Amino acid sequence: MASEGGKATVRFGDDAVCLISAVPNRGFTVSTSRTEAQTLTVTFSASRHRSEITATIQPQSRAGVREVSW
């Protein structure tokens, strides 16, 4: 899934979301967080922008992007 800050590839399993790759665009750094096995967030950060890609299998497999600038 692509965002302004970079691209993340995930795999949806029966019990968890697995990160395959996370590649930041120029000027961005990348970090990941997991609240539980079913939900993974990849965050691309720059000085004035943040892109968050959240993938989950609860209640069904889906991923979304949130873009924030300041």
Protein backbone atom coordinates (compact mmCIF):
# COMPACT_ATOMS: atom_id res chain seq x y z
CA MET A 1 0.00 0.00 0.00
CA ALA A 2 1.41 3.38 -1.00
CA SER A 3 1.32 6.65 0.92
CA GLU A 4 2.95 10.05 0.57
CA GLY A 5 5.69 8.93 2.98
CA GLY A 6 6.46 5.53 1.49
CA LYS A 7 5.21 2.08 0.63
CA ALA A 8 4.42 -0.86 2.91
CA THR A 9 3.71 -4.44 1.95
CA VAL A 10 1.87 -6.67 4.42
CA ARG A 11 0.53 -10.20 4.41
CA PHE A 12 -2.80 -11.01 6.01
CA GLY A 13 -2.78 -14.36 7.81
CA ASP A 14 -5.52 -16.18 9.69
CA ASP A 15 -4.34 -14.91 13.09
CA ALA A 16 -2.00 -11.98 12.37
CA VAL A 17 -0.82 -9.27 10.01
CA CYS A 18 2.83 -9.67 8.94
CA LEU A 19 5.06 -6.90 7.61
CA ILE A 20 6.84 -7.90 4.39
CA SER A 21 8.56 -4.57 3.65
CA ALA A 22 8.40 -0.86 4.48
CA VAL A 23 10.29 1.53 2.20
CA PRO A 24 10.28 5.26 3.04
CA ASN A 25 10.33 7.94 0.35
CA ARG A 26 13.17 10.47 0.30
CA GLY A 27 13.12 12.64 3.44
CA PHE A 28 11.02 10.20 5.49
CA THR A 29 11.92 7.71 8.21
CA VAL A 30 9.92 4.58 9.01
CA SER A 31 8.78 2.95 12.25
CA THR A 32 6.33 0.19 13.09
CA SER A 33 4.07 -0.55 16.02
CA ARG A 34 1.78 -3.38 16.93
CA THR A 35 -1.01 -3.16 19.48
CA GLU A 36 -1.79 -6.85 19.05
CA ALA A 37 -1.05 -9.58 16.51
CA GLN A 38 -4.13 -8.61 14.51
CA THR A 39 -3.17 -4.94 13.95
CA LEU A 40 0.03 -3.41 12.54
CA THR A 41 0.80 0.28 11.97
CA VAL A 42 3.63 1.50 9.73
CA THR A 43 4.47 5.20 10.21
CA PHE A 44 6.49 7.27 7.76
CA SER A 45 7.63 10.57 9.33
CA ALA A 46 9.18 13.75 7.94
CA SER A 47 9.66 17.20 9.43
CA ARG A 48 6.15 18.41 8.49
CA HIS A 49 4.25 15.29 7.45
CA ARG A 50 3.31 11.85 8.77
CA SER A 51 1.79 8.93 6.86
CA GLU A 52 0.27 6.06 8.84
CA ILE A 53 -0.66 2.79 7.18
CA THR A 54 -2.72 0.57 9.47
CA ALA A 55 -3.47 -3.03 8.54
CA THR A 56 -5.77 -5.29 10.53
CA ILE A 57 -7.63 -8.57 10.29
CA GLN A 58 -10.29 -7.49 12.82
CA PRO A 59 -13.14 -7.89 11.95
CA GLN A 60 -11.91 -8.55 8.38
CA SER A 61 -8.66 -8.05 6.45
CA ARG A 62 -8.23 -4.40 5.45
CA ALA A 63 -5.67 -1.61 5.33
CA GLY A 64 -6.00 2.16 5.36
CA VAL A 65 -3.81 5.24 5.04
CA ARG A 66 -3.94 8.39 7.18
CA GLU A 67 -2.00 11.47 6.02
CA VAL A 68 -1.28 14.34 8.46
CA SER A 69 0.56 17.59 7.66
CA TRP A 70 1.31 20.53 9.94
